[in-house]
């Protein structure tokens, strides 16, 4: 009877530990969890296995993914459900093409520095990406669950060129389509 109880207890614990996320899990599985960005307070990891296409109607794309924000200052990890909307009319490639076309129409010299400056300015005006983020759970760095959110806290925002969100959107797009946005 004692052995049966031990086996049942072990079986019941498997689903709980199967969903746990820890810093060592993120760091020790680089093929699945790709570090997208990092600063002194936060590191963000993309679960490449979670990337899914929600909408494919070129030039419009919507991709979803799970990301993990390791907040060193809070000693925790946020599990986040991200939904990114892309308008390829504002992608890097499309923006470069538009800038070069405009410069050609105006008989301007195709100077690399000038093209780069204009492309960056255009992307700063509109990156072509917006996002909806929902926090799903919070974990300690060692993988102990702090809190699950049944309805999560959602925020929507336009993504600024060069921001953490922009780097994440780029990583998600490249993971799914094997090319930069």
N, C-alpha and C. Protein backbone atom coordinates (compact mmCIF):
# COMPACT_ATOMS: atom_id res chain seq x y z
N UNK A 1 0.82 -1.19 0.00
CA UNK A 1 0.00 0.00 0.00
C UNK A 1 0.87 1.26 0.00
N UNK A 2 1.95 1.22 0.77
CA UNK A 2 2.84 2.37 0.85
C UNK A 2 3.48 2.65 -0.51
N UNK A 3 3.88 1.59 -1.22
CA UNK A 3 4.48 1.75 -2.54
C UNK A 3 3.49 2.36 -3.53
N UNK A 4 2.25 1.94 -3.45
CA UNK A 4 1.21 2.46 -4.34
C UNK A 4 1.02 3.96 -4.09
N UNK A 5 0.99 4.37 -2.83
CA UNK A 5 0.83 5.78 -2.49
C UNK A 5 2.02 6.61 -2.99
N UNK A 6 3.22 6.06 -2.88
CA UNK A 6 4.41 6.77 -3.35
C UNK A 6 4.36 6.93 -4.87
N UNK A 7 3.96 5.87 -5.58
CA UNK A 7 3.86 5.93 -7.04
C UNK A 7 2.78 6.93 -7.45
N UNK A 8 1.63 6.91 -6.79
CA UNK A 8 0.56 7.86 -7.11
C UNK A 8 1.01 9.30 -6.87
N UNK A 9 1.71 9.51 -5.77
CA UNK A 9 2.21 10.85 -5.46
C UNK A 9 3.19 11.32 -6.53
N UNK A 10 4.09 10.42 -6.97
CA UNK A 10 5.06 10.76 -8.01
C UNK A 10 4.35 11.10 -9.32
N UNK A 11 3.32 10.34 -9.65
CA UNK A 11 2.56 10.59 -10.89
C UNK A 11 1.84 11.93 -10.81
N UNK A 12 1.28 12.25 -9.66
CA UNK A 12 0.59 13.53 -9.49
C UNK A 12 1.54 14.71 -9.59
N UNK A 13 2.78 14.53 -9.21
CA UNK A 13 3.76 15.63 -9.25
C UNK A 13 4.32 15.89 -10.64
N UNK A 14 4.21 14.92 -11.53
CA UNK A 14 4.77 15.09 -12.87
C UNK A 14 4.17 16.28 -13.60
N UNK A 15 2.86 16.45 -13.67
CA UNK A 15 2.33 17.61 -14.40
C UNK A 15 2.75 18.94 -13.79
N UNK A 16 2.87 19.00 -12.48
CA UNK A 16 3.25 20.25 -11.83
C UNK A 16 4.67 20.63 -12.23
N UNK A 17 5.60 19.68 -12.15
CA UNK A 17 6.98 20.00 -12.48
C UNK A 17 7.16 20.18 -13.98
N UNK A 18 6.30 19.61 -14.79
CA UNK A 18 6.41 19.72 -16.24
C UNK A 18 6.20 21.13 -16.74
N UNK A 19 5.48 21.96 -16.02
CA UNK A 19 5.21 23.32 -16.45
C UNK A 19 6.14 24.34 -15.79
N UNK A 20 6.96 23.91 -14.85
CA UNK A 20 7.84 24.82 -14.13
C UNK A 20 8.89 25.40 -15.06
N UNK A 21 9.24 26.67 -14.82
CA UNK A 21 10.30 27.31 -15.58
C UNK A 21 11.28 27.92 -14.59
N UNK A 22 12.54 27.70 -14.84
CA UNK A 22 13.58 28.25 -13.97
C UNK A 22 14.66 28.89 -14.82
N UNK A 23 15.51 29.65 -14.19
CA UNK A 23 16.61 30.29 -14.90
C UNK A 23 17.52 29.24 -15.51
N UNK A 24 17.78 28.17 -14.79
CA UNK A 24 18.66 27.13 -15.34
C UNK A 24 18.02 26.44 -16.55
N UNK A 25 16.70 26.27 -16.55
CA UNK A 25 16.02 25.70 -17.72
C UNK A 25 16.21 26.60 -18.93
N UNK A 26 16.05 27.90 -18.74
CA UNK A 26 16.21 28.85 -19.84
C UNK A 26 17.64 28.87 -20.37
N UNK A 27 18.60 28.88 -19.45
CA UNK A 27 20.01 28.98 -19.84
C UNK A 27 20.56 27.69 -20.43
N UNK A 28 20.04 26.55 -19.99
CA UNK A 28 20.60 25.26 -20.40
C UNK A 28 19.92 24.63 -21.61
N UNK A 29 18.99 25.33 -22.23
CA UNK A 29 18.28 24.83 -23.41
C UNK A 29 18.28 25.89 -24.51
N UNK A 30 19.47 26.24 -25.03
CA UNK A 30 19.56 27.35 -26.00
C UNK A 30 18.88 27.08 -27.34
N UNK A 31 18.64 25.83 -27.68
CA UNK A 31 17.93 25.55 -28.93
C UNK A 31 16.45 25.88 -28.82
N UNK A 32 15.91 25.78 -27.62
CA UNK A 32 14.50 26.10 -27.41
C UNK A 32 14.31 27.53 -26.92
N UNK A 33 15.10 27.92 -25.93
CA UNK A 33 14.95 29.25 -25.32
C UNK A 33 16.08 30.15 -25.79
N UNK A 34 15.76 31.08 -26.66
CA UNK A 34 16.75 31.99 -27.24
C UNK A 34 16.71 33.30 -26.48
N UNK A 35 17.88 33.74 -25.99
CA UNK A 35 17.94 35.04 -25.32
C UNK A 35 17.84 36.13 -26.38
N UNK A 36 16.79 36.93 -26.28
CA UNK A 36 16.51 37.96 -27.28
C UNK A 36 17.20 39.27 -26.93
N UNK A 37 17.17 39.63 -25.66
CA UNK A 37 17.76 40.89 -25.22
C UNK A 37 18.06 40.81 -23.73
N UNK A 38 18.93 41.72 -23.31
CA UNK A 38 19.32 41.73 -21.90
C UNK A 38 19.91 43.08 -21.55
N UNK A 39 19.62 43.52 -20.33
CA UNK A 39 20.30 44.67 -19.76
C UNK A 39 20.64 44.33 -18.32
N UNK A 40 20.99 45.29 -17.50
CA UNK A 40 21.43 45.00 -16.13
C UNK A 40 20.31 44.47 -15.23
N UNK A 41 19.05 44.71 -15.60
CA UNK A 41 17.93 44.32 -14.75
C UNK A 41 17.11 43.16 -15.29
N UNK A 42 17.06 43.00 -16.63
CA UNK A 42 16.14 42.04 -17.25
C UNK A 42 16.82 41.30 -18.40
N UNK A 43 16.47 40.03 -18.54
CA UNK A 43 16.83 39.26 -19.74
C UNK A 43 15.53 38.68 -20.29
N UNK A 44 15.39 38.68 -21.60
CA UNK A 44 14.18 38.14 -22.21
C UNK A 44 14.54 36.93 -23.08
N UNK A 45 13.78 35.85 -22.88
CA UNK A 45 13.98 34.62 -23.65
C UNK A 45 12.72 34.32 -24.45
N UNK A 46 12.92 33.84 -25.68
CA UNK A 46 11.83 33.41 -26.55
C UNK A 46 11.79 31.89 -26.56
N UNK A 47 10.62 31.33 -26.31
CA UNK A 47 10.42 29.89 -26.46
C UNK A 47 10.13 29.64 -27.93
N UNK A 48 11.15 29.21 -28.66
CA UNK A 48 11.02 29.05 -30.11
C UNK A 48 10.01 27.96 -30.48
N UNK A 49 9.76 27.02 -29.58
CA UNK A 49 8.78 25.95 -29.85
C UNK A 49 7.35 26.48 -29.79
N UNK A 50 7.15 27.65 -29.22
CA UNK A 50 5.79 28.18 -29.03
C UNK A 50 5.33 29.09 -30.16
N UNK A 51 6.20 29.45 -31.10
CA UNK A 51 5.85 30.42 -32.14
C UNK A 51 4.82 29.81 -33.10
N UNK A 52 3.72 30.54 -33.29
CA UNK A 52 2.63 30.08 -34.17
C UNK A 52 2.12 31.24 -35.02
N UNK A 53 1.69 30.90 -36.23
CA UNK A 53 1.08 31.89 -37.10
C UNK A 53 -0.42 31.95 -36.80
N UNK A 54 -0.91 33.16 -36.58
CA UNK A 54 -2.33 33.39 -36.33
C UNK A 54 -2.99 33.94 -37.60
N UNK A 55 -2.24 34.79 -38.32
CA UNK A 55 -2.76 35.38 -39.56
C UNK A 55 -1.64 35.47 -40.58
N UNK A 56 -1.96 35.03 -41.79
CA UNK A 56 -1.03 35.15 -42.91
C UNK A 56 -1.82 35.69 -44.10
N UNK A 57 -1.84 37.01 -44.22
CA UNK A 57 -2.52 37.70 -45.31
C UNK A 57 -1.57 38.83 -45.74
N UNK A 58 -0.50 38.46 -46.48
CA UNK A 58 0.50 39.47 -46.84
C UNK A 58 -0.15 40.73 -47.41
N UNK A 59 0.25 41.89 -46.97
CA UNK A 59 1.43 42.19 -46.17
C UNK A 59 1.20 42.15 -44.65
N UNK A 60 0.09 41.56 -44.21
CA UNK A 60 -0.23 41.53 -42.78
C UNK A 60 0.02 40.14 -42.21
N UNK A 61 0.69 40.11 -41.07
CA UNK A 61 1.03 38.86 -40.40
C UNK A 61 0.76 39.03 -38.92
N UNK A 62 0.31 37.96 -38.28
CA UNK A 62 0.18 37.95 -36.83
C UNK A 62 0.80 36.66 -36.33
N UNK A 63 1.71 36.79 -35.37
CA UNK A 63 2.39 35.64 -34.79
C UNK A 63 2.22 35.68 -33.27
N UNK A 64 2.08 34.50 -32.68
CA UNK A 64 2.02 34.42 -31.21
C UNK A 64 3.22 33.63 -30.72
N UNK A 65 3.61 33.89 -29.49
CA UNK A 65 4.74 33.18 -28.88
C UNK A 65 4.70 33.37 -27.37
N UNK A 66 5.41 32.49 -26.70
CA UNK A 66 5.61 32.62 -25.26
C UNK A 66 7.02 33.15 -25.03
N UNK A 67 7.12 34.19 -24.20
CA UNK A 67 8.42 34.72 -23.83
C UNK A 67 8.54 34.70 -22.31
N UNK A 68 9.77 34.76 -21.86
CA UNK A 68 10.06 34.75 -20.42
C UNK A 68 10.94 35.94 -20.10
N UNK A 69 10.48 36.75 -19.15
CA UNK A 69 11.24 37.90 -18.70
C UNK A 69 11.87 37.56 -17.36
N UNK A 70 13.18 37.41 -17.34
CA UNK A 70 13.92 37.16 -16.10
C UNK A 70 14.21 38.53 -15.50
N UNK A 71 13.57 38.80 -14.37
CA UNK A 71 13.75 40.10 -13.70
C UNK A 71 14.68 39.89 -12.52
N UNK A 72 15.95 40.18 -12.73
CA UNK A 72 16.96 39.95 -11.70
C UNK A 72 16.70 40.80 -10.46
N UNK A 73 16.19 42.01 -10.65
CA UNK A 73 15.93 42.90 -9.51
C UNK A 73 14.77 42.40 -8.65
N UNK A 74 13.90 41.53 -9.20
CA UNK A 74 12.78 40.98 -8.45
C UNK A 74 12.98 39.50 -8.11
N UNK A 75 14.07 38.92 -8.61
CA UNK A 75 14.36 37.51 -8.38
C UNK A 75 13.23 36.63 -8.89
N UNK A 76 12.69 36.98 -10.09
CA UNK A 76 11.57 36.19 -10.62
C UNK A 76 11.60 36.12 -12.14
N UNK A 77 10.70 35.31 -12.67
CA UNK A 77 10.55 35.12 -14.11
C UNK A 77 9.07 35.28 -14.45
N UNK A 78 8.77 36.14 -15.40
CA UNK A 78 7.39 36.30 -15.87
C UNK A 78 7.20 35.43 -17.11
N UNK A 79 6.13 34.65 -17.14
CA UNK A 79 5.74 33.93 -18.34
C UNK A 79 4.74 34.82 -19.07
N UNK A 80 5.04 35.10 -20.33
CA UNK A 80 4.23 36.07 -21.07
C UNK A 80 3.75 35.47 -22.38
N UNK A 81 2.48 35.70 -22.68
CA UNK A 81 1.91 35.34 -23.98
C UNK A 81 1.93 36.60 -24.83
N UNK A 82 2.68 36.54 -25.94
CA UNK A 82 2.81 37.69 -26.83
C UNK A 82 2.10 37.44 -28.14
N UNK A 83 1.45 38.47 -28.64
CA UNK A 83 0.81 38.45 -29.95
C UNK A 83 1.33 39.67 -30.69
N UNK A 84 2.05 39.44 -31.79
CA UNK A 84 2.62 40.53 -32.58
C UNK A 84 1.93 40.62 -33.92
N UNK A 85 1.53 41.85 -34.28
CA UNK A 85 0.95 42.14 -35.59
C UNK A 85 1.99 42.90 -36.41
N UNK A 86 2.18 42.45 -37.64
CA UNK A 86 3.19 43.03 -38.52
C UNK A 86 2.52 43.56 -39.79
N UNK A 87 2.96 44.73 -40.25
CA UNK A 87 2.57 45.28 -41.54
C UNK A 87 3.84 45.36 -42.37
N UNK A 88 3.98 44.44 -43.33
CA UNK A 88 5.22 44.33 -44.09
C UNK A 88 5.51 45.57 -44.92
N UNK A 89 4.53 46.43 -45.12
CA UNK A 89 4.77 47.70 -45.82
C UNK A 89 5.77 48.57 -45.06
N UNK A 90 5.96 48.28 -43.77
CA UNK A 90 6.88 49.04 -42.93
C UNK A 90 8.08 48.21 -42.47
N UNK A 91 8.30 47.08 -43.09
CA UNK A 91 9.44 46.24 -42.73
C UNK A 91 10.74 46.94 -43.12
N UNK A 92 11.84 46.43 -42.64
CA UNK A 92 13.15 47.00 -42.98
C UNK A 92 13.35 46.98 -44.50
N UNK A 93 13.08 45.84 -45.12
CA UNK A 93 13.28 45.70 -46.57
C UNK A 93 12.40 46.68 -47.35
N UNK A 94 11.12 46.75 -46.99
CA UNK A 94 10.20 47.67 -47.68
C UNK A 94 10.61 49.12 -47.47
N UNK A 95 11.06 49.44 -46.27
CA UNK A 95 11.47 50.82 -45.97
C UNK A 95 12.72 51.20 -46.75
N UNK A 96 13.67 50.30 -46.82
CA UNK A 96 14.88 50.56 -47.62
C UNK A 96 14.50 50.79 -49.08
N UNK A 97 13.64 49.92 -49.61
CA UNK A 97 13.21 50.07 -51.02
C UNK A 97 12.52 51.41 -51.25
N UNK A 98 11.65 51.83 -50.33
CA UNK A 98 10.95 53.12 -50.47
C UNK A 98 11.93 54.29 -50.45
N UNK A 99 12.88 54.24 -49.51
CA UNK A 99 13.85 55.34 -49.39
C UNK A 99 14.69 55.43 -50.66
N UNK A 100 15.18 54.32 -51.16
CA UNK A 100 16.00 54.33 -52.37
C UNK A 100 15.18 54.81 -53.57
N UNK A 101 13.95 54.37 -53.66
CA UNK A 101 13.07 54.80 -54.76
C UNK A 101 12.86 56.31 -54.72
N UNK A 102 12.58 56.86 -53.53
CA UNK A 102 12.38 58.30 -53.38
C UNK A 102 13.64 59.07 -53.75
N UNK A 103 14.79 58.55 -53.33
CA UNK A 103 16.06 59.22 -53.64
C UNK A 103 16.33 59.19 -55.15
N UNK A 104 16.01 58.07 -55.78
CA UNK A 104 16.18 57.97 -57.24
C UNK A 104 15.26 58.94 -57.96
N UNK A 105 14.02 59.04 -57.51
CA UNK A 105 13.06 59.96 -58.14
C UNK A 105 13.51 61.41 -58.02
N UNK A 106 14.20 61.72 -56.94
CA UNK A 106 14.68 63.09 -56.71
C UNK A 106 16.11 63.30 -57.22
N UNK A 107 16.63 62.31 -57.96
CA UNK A 107 18.00 62.38 -58.50
C UNK A 107 19.04 62.66 -57.42
N UNK A 108 18.83 62.06 -56.26
CA UNK A 108 19.79 62.22 -55.17
C UNK A 108 20.82 61.11 -55.23
N UNK A 109 22.00 61.42 -54.75
CA UNK A 109 23.08 60.43 -54.68
C UNK A 109 22.70 59.36 -53.66
N UNK A 110 22.94 58.10 -54.01
CA UNK A 110 22.59 56.98 -53.11
C UNK A 110 23.73 56.74 -52.13
N UNK A 111 23.88 57.66 -51.22
CA UNK A 111 24.91 57.61 -50.18
C UNK A 111 24.45 56.67 -49.07
N UNK A 112 25.29 55.72 -48.69
CA UNK A 112 24.92 54.72 -47.68
C UNK A 112 24.49 55.36 -46.36
N UNK A 113 25.24 56.35 -45.90
CA UNK A 113 24.91 57.01 -44.63
C UNK A 113 23.55 57.70 -44.70
N UNK A 114 23.28 58.35 -45.82
CA UNK A 114 22.00 59.05 -45.98
C UNK A 114 20.84 58.05 -46.04
N UNK A 115 21.04 56.95 -46.75
CA UNK A 115 20.00 55.91 -46.81
C UNK A 115 19.74 55.36 -45.41
N UNK A 116 20.81 55.04 -44.69
CA UNK A 116 20.68 54.50 -43.33
C UNK A 116 19.92 55.45 -42.41
N UNK A 117 20.26 56.74 -42.48
CA UNK A 117 19.61 57.74 -41.64
C UNK A 117 18.12 57.84 -41.96
N UNK A 118 17.79 57.88 -43.23
CA UNK A 118 16.38 58.00 -43.63
C UNK A 118 15.58 56.74 -43.27
N UNK A 119 16.20 55.58 -43.45
CA UNK A 119 15.52 54.34 -43.08
C UNK A 119 15.25 54.32 -41.58
N UNK A 120 16.26 54.64 -40.79
CA UNK A 120 16.08 54.65 -39.33
C UNK A 120 15.00 55.64 -38.91
N UNK A 121 15.01 56.84 -39.50
CA UNK A 121 13.99 57.84 -39.18
C UNK A 121 12.59 57.34 -39.53
N UNK A 122 12.47 56.69 -40.69
CA UNK A 122 11.17 56.13 -41.10
C UNK A 122 10.69 55.07 -40.13
N UNK A 123 11.59 54.18 -39.74
CA UNK A 123 11.20 53.11 -38.81
C UNK A 123 10.88 53.66 -37.43
N UNK A 124 11.52 54.75 -37.04
CA UNK A 124 11.20 55.37 -35.75
C UNK A 124 9.80 55.99 -35.79
N UNK A 125 9.38 56.46 -36.95
CA UNK A 125 8.02 56.99 -37.11
C UNK A 125 6.98 55.88 -37.06
N UNK A 126 7.28 54.76 -37.72
CA UNK A 126 6.35 53.64 -37.74
C UNK A 126 7.13 52.36 -38.01
N UNK A 127 7.23 51.51 -37.00
CA UNK A 127 7.98 50.26 -37.14
C UNK A 127 7.17 49.19 -37.87
N UNK A 128 5.85 49.41 -38.00
CA UNK A 128 4.99 48.42 -38.64
C UNK A 128 4.61 47.26 -37.73
N UNK A 129 4.89 47.42 -36.45
CA UNK A 129 4.64 46.33 -35.50
C UNK A 129 3.86 46.85 -34.31
N UNK A 130 2.83 46.12 -33.90
CA UNK A 130 2.21 46.37 -32.60
C UNK A 130 2.05 45.04 -31.88
N UNK A 131 1.75 45.12 -30.61
CA UNK A 131 1.83 43.95 -29.76
C UNK A 131 0.75 43.95 -28.69
N UNK A 132 0.32 42.76 -28.33
CA UNK A 132 -0.56 42.56 -27.18
C UNK A 132 0.14 41.55 -26.29
N UNK A 133 0.38 41.93 -25.05
CA UNK A 133 1.12 41.11 -24.10
C UNK A 133 0.22 40.76 -22.92
N UNK A 134 0.25 39.48 -22.53
CA UNK A 134 -0.51 39.02 -21.37
C UNK A 134 0.41 38.26 -20.43
N UNK A 135 0.49 38.69 -19.18
CA UNK A 135 1.28 37.98 -18.18
C UNK A 135 0.48 36.78 -17.70
N UNK A 136 1.09 35.59 -17.81
CA UNK A 136 0.40 34.34 -17.45
C UNK A 136 0.76 33.85 -16.06
N UNK A 137 2.04 33.97 -15.68
CA UNK A 137 2.47 33.46 -14.39
C UNK A 137 3.78 34.11 -13.97
N UNK A 138 4.09 33.93 -12.68
CA UNK A 138 5.34 34.44 -12.12
C UNK A 138 6.01 33.29 -11.37
N UNK A 139 7.31 33.12 -11.60
CA UNK A 139 8.09 32.05 -11.00
C UNK A 139 9.30 32.63 -10.29
N UNK A 140 9.79 31.95 -9.27
CA UNK A 140 11.09 32.26 -8.69
C UNK A 140 12.14 31.78 -9.67
N UNK A 141 13.36 32.28 -9.57
CA UNK A 141 14.43 31.87 -10.47
C UNK A 141 14.72 30.36 -10.38
N UNK A 142 14.40 29.77 -9.22
CA UNK A 142 14.64 28.33 -9.03
C UNK A 142 13.50 27.46 -9.57
N UNK A 143 12.46 28.07 -10.13
CA UNK A 143 11.37 27.30 -10.72
C UNK A 143 10.16 27.13 -9.83
N UNK A 144 10.15 27.75 -8.65
CA UNK A 144 8.99 27.66 -7.76
C UNK A 144 7.93 28.66 -8.21
N UNK A 145 6.73 28.16 -8.42
CA UNK A 145 5.62 29.01 -8.85
C UNK A 145 5.25 30.00 -7.76
N UNK A 146 5.14 31.27 -8.13
CA UNK A 146 4.67 32.31 -7.21
C UNK A 146 3.18 32.55 -7.44
N UNK A 147 2.80 32.73 -8.71
CA UNK A 147 1.41 33.03 -8.99
C UNK A 147 1.06 32.71 -10.44
N UNK A 148 -0.12 32.12 -10.63
CA UNK A 148 -0.73 31.94 -11.95
C UNK A 148 -1.83 32.97 -12.08
N UNK A 149 -1.97 33.55 -13.25
CA UNK A 149 -3.04 34.51 -13.49
C UNK A 149 -4.08 33.84 -14.37
N UNK A 150 -5.30 33.74 -13.87
CA UNK A 150 -6.35 33.07 -14.65
C UNK A 150 -6.76 33.90 -15.86
N UNK A 151 -6.80 35.22 -15.71
CA UNK A 151 -7.19 36.05 -16.86
C UNK A 151 -6.05 36.96 -17.31
N UNK A 152 -4.92 36.88 -16.67
CA UNK A 152 -3.75 37.64 -17.09
C UNK A 152 -3.99 39.13 -17.25
N UNK A 153 -2.95 39.90 -17.14
CA UNK A 153 -3.02 41.35 -17.33
C UNK A 153 -2.50 41.65 -18.73
N UNK A 154 -3.36 42.18 -19.60
CA UNK A 154 -2.99 42.45 -20.99
C UNK A 154 -2.70 43.92 -21.22
N UNK A 155 -1.71 44.16 -22.07
CA UNK A 155 -1.41 45.51 -22.53
C UNK A 155 -1.17 45.47 -24.03
N UNK A 156 -1.61 46.51 -24.72
CA UNK A 156 -1.38 46.65 -26.15
C UNK A 156 -0.55 47.89 -26.39
N UNK A 157 0.40 47.80 -27.32
CA UNK A 157 1.19 48.98 -27.63
C UNK A 157 1.85 48.89 -28.99
N UNK A 158 2.13 50.08 -29.53
CA UNK A 158 2.92 50.18 -30.75
C UNK A 158 4.36 49.90 -30.36
N UNK A 159 5.07 49.19 -31.20
CA UNK A 159 6.44 48.82 -30.89
C UNK A 159 7.41 49.83 -31.51
N UNK A 160 8.28 50.39 -30.68
CA UNK A 160 9.27 51.35 -31.14
C UNK A 160 10.48 50.64 -31.74
N UNK A 161 10.98 51.19 -32.83
CA UNK A 161 12.17 50.66 -33.48
C UNK A 161 13.32 50.62 -32.48
N UNK A 162 14.00 49.47 -32.40
CA UNK A 162 15.17 49.33 -31.53
C UNK A 162 14.87 48.94 -30.10
N UNK A 163 13.59 48.92 -29.71
CA UNK A 163 13.23 48.58 -28.32
C UNK A 163 13.31 47.07 -28.08
N UNK A 164 13.16 46.65 -26.81
CA UNK A 164 13.09 45.22 -26.48
C UNK A 164 11.98 44.56 -27.30
N UNK A 165 10.83 45.23 -27.37
CA UNK A 165 9.70 44.68 -28.13
C UNK A 165 10.03 44.50 -29.60
N UNK A 166 10.78 45.43 -30.16
CA UNK A 166 11.19 45.34 -31.56
C UNK A 166 12.10 44.14 -31.77
N UNK A 167 13.06 43.96 -30.87
CA UNK A 167 13.98 42.82 -30.96
C UNK A 167 13.23 41.50 -30.81
N UNK A 168 12.24 41.47 -29.92
CA UNK A 168 11.43 40.28 -29.73
C UNK A 168 10.61 39.98 -30.98
N UNK A 169 9.96 41.02 -31.52
CA UNK A 169 9.16 40.85 -32.74
C UNK A 169 10.03 40.33 -33.88
N UNK A 170 11.24 40.87 -34.01
CA UNK A 170 12.16 40.41 -35.04
C UNK A 170 12.52 38.94 -34.84
N UNK A 171 12.83 38.56 -33.60
CA UNK A 171 13.21 37.17 -33.30
C UNK A 171 12.06 36.21 -33.59
N UNK A 172 10.84 36.61 -33.25
CA UNK A 172 9.67 35.76 -33.50
C UNK A 172 9.45 35.61 -35.00
N UNK A 173 9.51 36.71 -35.74
CA UNK A 173 9.31 36.67 -37.19
C UNK A 173 10.38 35.79 -37.84
N UNK A 174 11.63 35.97 -37.42
CA UNK A 174 12.73 35.19 -38.01
C UNK A 174 12.60 33.71 -37.65
N UNK A 175 12.15 33.39 -36.45
CA UNK A 175 11.95 32.00 -36.05
C UNK A 175 10.92 31.33 -36.95
N UNK A 176 9.83 32.04 -37.24
CA UNK A 176 8.74 31.43 -38.01
C UNK A 176 9.02 31.44 -39.51
N UNK A 177 9.49 32.58 -40.02
CA UNK A 177 9.64 32.72 -41.48
C UNK A 177 11.07 32.58 -41.98
N UNK A 178 12.03 32.41 -41.08
CA UNK A 178 13.46 32.28 -41.43
C UNK A 178 13.98 33.48 -42.22
N UNK A 179 13.44 34.66 -41.90
CA UNK A 179 13.93 35.91 -42.49
C UNK A 179 13.58 37.05 -41.55
N UNK A 180 14.31 38.15 -41.68
CA UNK A 180 14.02 39.33 -40.87
C UNK A 180 12.77 40.02 -41.36
N UNK A 181 12.11 40.71 -40.43
CA UNK A 181 10.95 41.51 -40.80
C UNK A 181 11.44 42.82 -41.37
